[in-house]
Amino acid sequence: MNKSNVLALAVRRFLGDYLPQQRAFSTHTIRSYRDSLKLLLQFAAGPKRRVADLTAGDLVPEKIIAFLDNLEQHRGNDAATRNVRLSAIHSFFDYLGAGWPEHLDQARRVLAITFKRTDHRTIDYLEAEELRTLLAQIDRRTVWGRRDYVLLALMFNTGARVQEVVSLQTTDLRLTAPPSVKFFGKGRRERICPLWPETARLLQQHIADTGLDSQAAQTLFRNHRGAPLTRFGARLILQRHVQRATAVLPTLKRKRIHPHSLRHSTAVHLLKSGVDLSTIAHWLGHTSINTTHKYVTIDLEAKRAAIAKAEPVTKSKKLPRWRTDNDLLTWLESL
């Protein structure tokens, strides 16, 4: 096999066989890896070459580092997105080195490219009053308004990832008592989440509005063209209603609200309601309770309650005054 065919063959086998068959990765993850490799190949080819003419030898570490820098400097991606792209590239070169030993040294050098440190930003979530205001701005007199309402209500009720929600089929719902919904999460893990009676009633109305057959596997949420709603579509729906709610509740301007914010809101709401971390972890589909533990750190009300109960161990004391530099040095030495 000539060298010009190795790269194309490796990419095809990596995405078409290795990830879905040997690693059992989800479709969403495979598409993310595909997008990362597509961007890299387009960057490596540049404006004067065809992607089909690239060889594995063209993807040297220097070219990959230039690609990662380009993501931040010209595409406006943050360090976290840069790391996601690099993770996909690492996985591909690990596969390339194992399958084609002649590229093993090159793969080793690419795998040595380090991830970039990222800022740990505070997690934004909606307080109960903010969520009520958000939902109240939705015009439920129209079928699309009612769709938006039940979509956001379901996301908050379950704390599900947006991809899990837009992938729901009517057969994943149990709307008789006790109502519940079945999700297929990361790693193909299945979990069942209970529904509040009000959410179940909203879903029943949505099925009636849209003429869906609850006995057949049909996509639950659709767009105006009748196609399945995407996670990007759900994001736009949320952003549109957040903008309207901001006019009523200006505090929303200070928050970065996206679909995952509703997942955070669910976790904090459950935590404030006294639900234990283990139950919340199962509710959200976390594999480790350590992931769920982060919500303890963002509950400001719990922090304020804790500080109010705890007495300070320090006592206020009038600090000595100084008049000259020597007095200041003496005072500093005495501390």
Protein backbone atom coordinates (compact mmCIF):
# COMPACT_ATOMS: atom_id res chain seq x y z
CA MET A 1 0.00 0.00 0.00
CA ASN A 2 1.52 3.36 -0.94
CA LYS A 3 1.97 6.01 1.70
CA SER A 4 -0.62 8.38 0.25
CA ASN A 5 -3.38 5.88 1.10
CA VAL A 6 -2.39 5.24 4.73
CA LEU A 7 -3.91 8.42 6.17
CA ALA A 8 -7.27 8.02 4.43
CA LEU A 9 -7.45 4.34 5.33
CA ALA A 10 -6.55 5.02 8.97
CA VAL A 11 -9.18 7.76 9.29
CA ARG A 12 -11.87 5.54 7.76
CA ARG A 13 -11.06 2.59 10.01
CA PHE A 14 -10.71 4.81 13.08
CA LEU A 15 -14.13 6.42 12.67
CA GLY A 16 -15.94 3.55 10.96
CA ASP A 17 -14.71 0.54 12.90
CA TYR A 18 -12.44 1.27 15.85
CA LEU A 19 -14.58 3.86 17.66
CA PRO A 20 -18.07 2.39 17.08
CA GLN A 21 -17.22 -1.33 17.10
CA GLN A 22 -14.14 -1.85 19.25
CA ARG A 23 -14.63 1.03 21.68
CA ALA A 24 -18.46 1.22 21.46
CA PHE A 25 -18.40 5.02 21.49
CA SER A 26 -21.68 6.85 21.07
CA THR A 27 -22.66 8.47 17.78
CA HIS A 28 -22.33 11.90 19.39
CA THR A 29 -18.73 11.21 20.47
CA ILE A 30 -17.80 9.81 17.06
CA ARG A 31 -19.16 12.92 15.37
CA SER A 32 -17.12 15.10 17.71
CA TYR A 33 -13.97 13.16 16.81
CA ARG A 34 -14.90 13.38 13.13
CA ASP A 35 -15.25 17.16 13.31
CA SER A 36 -11.87 17.50 15.04
CA LEU A 37 -10.09 15.44 12.39
CA LYS A 38 -11.93 17.24 9.58
CA LEU A 39 -10.79 20.63 10.87
CA LEU A 40 -7.21 19.38 11.26
CA LEU A 41 -7.07 17.95 7.73
CA GLN A 42 -8.52 21.12 6.21
CA PHE A 43 -5.97 23.23 8.09
CA ALA A 44 -3.07 20.96 7.09
CA ALA A 45 -4.09 21.04 3.42
CA GLY A 46 -4.46 24.80 3.35
CA PRO A 47 -5.92 26.71 0.41
CA LYS A 48 -3.60 25.24 -2.24
CA ARG A 49 -3.80 21.49 -1.57
CA ARG A 50 -6.52 18.90 -1.58
CA VAL A 51 -7.22 16.97 1.60
CA ALA A 52 -7.07 13.79 -0.48
CA ASP A 53 -3.40 14.55 -1.27
CA LEU A 54 -2.34 14.64 2.39
CA THR A 55 -0.21 11.86 3.84
CA ALA A 56 0.20 10.88 7.47
CA GLY A 57 3.68 12.40 7.31
CA ASP A 58 2.13 15.84 6.76
CA LEU A 59 0.61 15.80 10.24
CA VAL A 60 3.80 16.56 12.13
CA PRO A 61 3.60 17.87 15.73
CA GLU A 62 4.51 21.40 14.58
CA LYS A 63 1.58 21.44 12.17
CA ILE A 64 -0.80 20.16 14.85
CA ILE A 65 0.36 22.79 17.36
CA ALA A 66 -0.16 25.47 14.68
CA PHE A 67 -3.68 24.09 14.14
CA LEU A 68 -4.46 24.25 17.86
CA ASP A 69 -3.16 27.83 18.04
CA ASN A 70 -5.32 28.71 15.04
CA LEU A 71 -8.40 27.42 16.85
CA GLU A 72 -7.88 29.96 19.62
CA GLN A 73 -6.51 32.89 17.65
CA HIS A 74 -8.70 32.83 14.54
CA ARG A 75 -11.73 30.63 15.29
CA GLY A 76 -12.29 32.14 18.73
CA ASN A 77 -12.27 28.79 20.57
CA ASP A 78 -11.35 28.70 24.24
CA ALA A 79 -8.75 26.45 25.85
CA ALA A 80 -11.38 23.85 26.76
CA THR A 81 -12.44 23.43 23.13
CA ARG A 82 -8.78 23.29 22.11
CA ASN A 83 -8.29 20.43 24.55
CA VAL A 84 -11.32 18.57 23.16
CA ARG A 85 -9.81 18.74 19.65
CA LEU A 86 -6.42 17.62 20.95
CA SER A 87 -7.98 14.68 22.78
CA ALA A 88 -9.49 13.44 19.49
CA ILE A 89 -6.13 13.89 17.72
CA HIS A 90 -4.34 11.99 20.50
CA SER A 91 -6.79 9.12 20.17
CA PHE A 92 -6.33 8.96 16.40
CA PHE A 93 -2.53 8.95 16.56
CA ASP A 94 -2.58 6.32 19.27
CA TYR A 95 -4.57 4.17 16.83
CA LEU A 96 -2.32 5.12 13.91
CA GLY A 97 0.85 4.17 15.75
CA ALA A 98 -0.57 0.81 16.80
CA GLY A 99 -1.84 -0.10 13.35
CA TRP A 100 1.02 1.28 11.25
CA PRO A 101 4.33 0.83 13.15
CA GLU A 102 6.21 2.95 10.60
CA HIS A 103 4.37 5.95 12.10
CA LEU A 104 5.00 4.94 15.71
CA ASP A 105 7.68 7.57 16.36
CA GLN A 106 5.53 10.28 14.81
CA ALA A 107 2.57 9.16 16.92
CA ARG A 108 4.71 9.24 20.06
CA ARG A 109 5.72 12.85 19.34
CA VAL A 110 2.11 13.90 18.70
CA LEU A 111 0.97 12.23 21.92
CA ALA A 112 3.58 14.33 23.74
CA ILE A 113 1.66 17.52 22.86
CA THR A 114 0.24 18.65 26.19
CA PHE A 115 -3.20 19.91 27.05
CA LYS A 116 -3.61 23.54 27.96
CA ARG A 117 -4.59 24.58 31.45
CA THR A 118 -8.09 25.99 31.60
CA ASP A 119 -9.76 28.47 33.91
CA HIS A 120 -12.22 26.95 36.35
CA ARG A 121 -15.18 29.28 36.04
CA THR A 122 -18.06 29.33 38.46
CA ILE A 123 -21.09 27.26 37.46
CA ASP A 124 -24.15 29.31 36.55
CA TYR A 125 -27.56 27.93 37.36
CA LEU A 126 -31.09 29.24 37.68
CA GLU A 127 -32.66 29.89 41.04
CA ALA A 128 -36.26 28.76 41.46
CA GLU A 129 -37.64 32.29 40.96
CA GLU A 130 -35.52 32.79 37.85
CA LEU A 131 -36.76 29.53 36.35
CA ARG A 132 -40.39 30.41 37.10
CA THR A 133 -39.89 33.80 35.41
CA LEU A 134 -38.27 32.14 32.40
CA LEU A 135 -41.15 29.70 31.92
CA ALA A 136 -43.73 32.42 32.49
CA GLN A 137 -42.48 34.34 29.43
CA ILE A 138 -43.29 31.48 27.05
CA ASP A 139 -46.49 32.00 25.05
CA ARG A 140 -48.32 28.70 25.56
CA ARG A 141 -51.23 29.72 23.35
CA THR A 142 -49.32 28.35 20.33
CA VAL A 143 -48.27 24.76 19.71
CA TRP A 144 -44.62 25.84 19.40
CA GLY A 145 -44.80 27.78 22.64
CA ARG A 146 -46.19 24.70 24.39
CA ARG A 147 -43.39 22.62 22.84
CA ASP A 148 -40.77 25.03 24.21
CA TYR A 149 -42.43 25.00 27.62
CA VAL A 150 -42.53 21.21 27.96
CA LEU A 151 -38.98 20.92 26.56
CA LEU A 152 -37.50 23.23 29.21
CA ALA A 153 -39.73 21.83 31.97
CA LEU A 154 -38.60 18.29 31.12
CA MET A 155 -34.94 19.32 31.07
CA PHE A 156 -35.28 20.83 34.54
CA ASN A 157 -37.34 17.94 35.93
CA THR A 158 -34.83 15.33 34.82
CA GLY A 159 -31.54 17.24 34.75
CA ALA A 160 -30.81 15.36 31.53
CA ARG A 161 -28.16 16.36 29.04
CA VAL A 162 -29.61 18.22 26.06
CA GLN A 163 -28.59 15.45 23.64
CA GLU A 164 -30.39 12.90 25.81
CA VAL A 165 -33.58 14.98 25.71
CA VAL A 166 -33.65 15.69 21.97
CA SER A 167 -32.96 11.98 21.31
CA LEU A 168 -36.04 10.87 23.25
CA GLN A 169 -38.63 8.66 21.58
CA THR A 170 -42.27 8.48 22.60
CA THR A 171 -41.69 4.89 23.71
CA ASP A 172 -39.12 6.12 26.27
CA LEU A 173 -41.95 7.70 28.26
CA ARG A 174 -44.15 6.13 30.91
CA LEU A 175 -46.93 8.61 31.59
CA THR A 176 -49.16 6.42 33.77
CA ALA A 177 -48.58 6.46 37.52
CA PRO A 178 -45.81 6.52 38.53
CA PRO A 179 -44.59 8.51 35.50
CA SER A 180 -40.96 8.21 34.38
CA VAL A 181 -38.65 8.59 31.41
CA LYS A 182 -35.84 6.35 30.17
CA PHE A 183 -32.57 7.92 29.02
CA PHE A 184 -29.55 6.50 27.24
CA GLY A 185 -26.62 8.52 28.53
CA LYS A 186 -22.88 8.58 28.12
CA GLY A 187 -21.21 5.22 27.64
CA ARG A 188 -24.55 3.77 26.49
CA ARG A 189 -25.69 3.67 30.11
CA GLU A 190 -29.44 3.45 30.61
CA ARG A 191 -31.21 5.16 33.50
CA ILE A 192 -34.81 5.84 34.48
CA CYS A 193 -35.76 9.21 35.91
CA PRO A 194 -39.06 9.92 37.71
CA LEU A 195 -41.35 12.65 36.43
CA TRP A 196 -43.43 15.07 38.40
CA PRO A 197 -47.17 14.65 37.67
CA GLU A 198 -47.25 18.14 36.15
CA THR A 199 -44.44 17.24 33.74
CA ALA A 200 -46.28 14.05 32.75
CA ARG A 201 -49.43 16.07 32.00
CA LEU A 202 -47.40 18.49 29.86
CA LEU A 203 -45.94 15.59 27.90
CA GLN A 204 -49.39 14.08 27.35
CA GLN A 205 -50.60 17.42 25.99
CA HIS A 206 -47.52 17.69 23.76
CA ILE A 207 -48.15 14.24 22.27
CA ALA A 208 -51.77 15.18 21.61
CA ASP A 209 -50.79 18.55 20.09
CA THR A 210 -48.29 17.01 17.68
CA GLY A 211 -50.29 13.92 16.78
CA LEU A 212 -47.54 11.54 17.84
CA ASP A 213 -48.23 7.86 18.42
CA SER A 214 -47.19 7.02 21.98
CA GLN A 215 -47.10 3.31 21.07
CA ALA A 216 -44.60 3.77 18.21
CA ALA A 217 -40.97 4.88 18.45
CA GLN A 218 -41.26 8.45 17.20
CA THR A 219 -39.00 11.42 17.96
CA LEU A 220 -40.60 13.39 20.78
CA PHE A 221 -39.35 16.90 19.94
CA ARG A 222 -39.34 18.23 16.37
CA ASN A 223 -38.57 21.54 14.69
CA HIS A 224 -40.80 23.62 12.41
CA ARG A 225 -39.83 21.49 9.40
CA GLY A 226 -40.88 18.28 11.12
CA ALA A 227 -37.29 17.08 11.54
CA PRO A 228 -35.95 15.96 14.92
CA LEU A 229 -34.90 18.87 17.10
CA THR A 230 -31.12 19.12 17.50
CA ARG A 231 -29.17 20.15 20.57
CA PHE A 232 -28.31 23.39 18.75
CA GLY A 233 -32.00 24.00 18.18
CA ALA A 234 -32.72 23.42 21.86
CA ARG A 235 -29.96 25.88 22.73
CA LEU A 236 -31.51 28.55 20.50
CA ILE A 237 -34.92 27.96 22.08
CA LEU A 238 -33.47 28.47 25.55
CA GLN A 239 -31.53 31.57 24.52
CA ARG A 240 -34.63 33.13 22.97
CA HIS A 241 -36.68 32.74 26.12
CA VAL A 242 -33.82 33.81 28.40
CA GLN A 243 -33.61 37.08 26.46
CA ARG A 244 -37.30 37.69 27.04
CA ALA A 245 -37.04 36.81 30.72
CA THR A 246 -34.08 39.17 31.17
CA ALA A 247 -36.36 42.14 30.50
CA VAL A 248 -38.42 41.07 33.52
CA LEU A 249 -35.57 39.80 35.71
CA PRO A 250 -32.34 41.77 35.02
CA THR A 251 -30.27 39.46 37.27
CA LEU A 252 -30.21 36.99 34.37
CA LYS A 253 -27.88 39.34 32.48
CA ARG A 254 -25.04 38.39 34.79
CA LYS A 255 -25.38 34.68 34.07
CA ARG A 256 -24.15 32.53 31.19
CA ILE A 257 -27.24 30.39 30.58
CA HIS A 258 -27.07 27.40 28.23
CA PRO A 259 -28.82 23.99 28.20
CA HIS A 260 -26.35 22.52 30.70
CA SER A 261 -27.35 25.33 33.10
CA LEU A 262 -30.72 23.62 33.51
CA ARG A 263 -28.88 20.42 34.48
CA HIS A 264 -26.94 22.39 37.07
CA SER A 265 -30.19 23.99 38.26
CA THR A 266 -31.76 20.57 38.79
CA ALA A 267 -28.82 19.37 40.86
CA VAL A 268 -28.80 22.46 43.08
CA HIS A 269 -32.60 22.34 43.48
CA LEU A 270 -32.43 18.69 44.59
CA LEU A 271 -29.56 19.47 46.94
CA LYS A 272 -31.47 22.34 48.56
CA SER A 273 -34.48 20.06 48.92
CA GLY A 274 -32.44 17.70 51.08
CA VAL A 275 -31.79 14.97 48.51
CA ASP A 276 -28.53 13.14 49.23
CA LEU A 277 -25.60 13.27 46.81
CA SER A 278 -25.79 9.58 45.92
CA THR A 279 -29.39 9.92 44.74
CA ILE A 280 -28.55 13.08 42.78
CA ALA A 281 -25.65 11.25 41.11
CA HIS A 282 -28.01 8.47 39.95
CA TRP A 283 -30.61 11.06 38.92
CA LEU A 284 -28.11 12.86 36.66
CA GLY A 285 -26.38 9.74 35.42
CA HIS A 286 -22.99 10.49 36.98
CA THR A 287 -20.62 7.53 37.17
CA SER A 288 -18.82 8.99 40.18
CA ILE A 289 -20.26 10.86 43.15
CA ASN A 290 -17.16 13.08 42.99
CA THR A 291 -18.68 14.68 39.89
CA THR A 292 -21.86 15.46 41.81
CA HIS A 293 -19.94 16.85 44.78
CA LYS A 294 -19.15 20.06 42.87
CA TYR A 295 -22.73 21.22 43.43
CA VAL A 296 -22.10 21.42 47.15
CA THR A 297 -19.51 24.12 46.48
CA ILE A 298 -21.81 26.36 44.41
CA ASP A 299 -24.82 26.45 46.75
CA LEU A 300 -24.34 29.98 48.10
CA GLU A 301 -27.34 29.77 50.41
CA ALA A 302 -25.86 26.73 52.12
CA LYS A 303 -22.57 28.59 52.51
CA ARG A 304 -24.30 31.61 54.05
CA ALA A 305 -26.23 29.36 56.43
CA ALA A 306 -23.01 27.64 57.45
CA ILE A 307 -21.16 30.88 58.13
CA ALA A 308 -24.13 32.19 60.14
CA LYS A 309 -24.05 29.11 62.41
CA ALA A 310 -20.29 29.17 62.90
CA GLU A 311 -18.82 31.61 65.38
CA PRO A 312 -15.65 33.42 64.34
CA VAL A 313 -12.50 32.28 66.13
CA THR A 314 -10.86 35.67 65.77
CA LYS A 315 -11.66 38.72 67.83
CA SER A 316 -11.46 42.26 66.57
CA LYS A 317 -8.53 44.12 68.01
CA LYS A 318 -7.43 47.68 67.59
CA LEU A 319 -4.25 47.62 65.59
CA PRO A 320 -1.34 49.75 66.83
CA ARG A 321 -0.52 52.93 65.01
CA TRP A 322 2.90 53.90 63.76
CA ARG A 323 4.56 57.16 62.93
CA THR A 324 7.89 56.30 61.31
CA ASP A 325 9.38 53.59 59.13
CA ASN A 326 11.16 52.15 62.16
CA ASP A 327 7.86 51.91 64.01
CA LEU A 328 6.35 50.10 61.02
CA LEU A 329 9.20 47.59 60.88
CA THR A 330 8.91 46.96 64.59
CA TRP A 331 5.20 46.40 64.26
CA LEU A 332 5.69 43.99 61.34
CA GLU A 333 8.25 42.00 63.33
CA SER A 334 5.79 41.69 66.20
CA LEU A 335 3.08 40.02 64.12
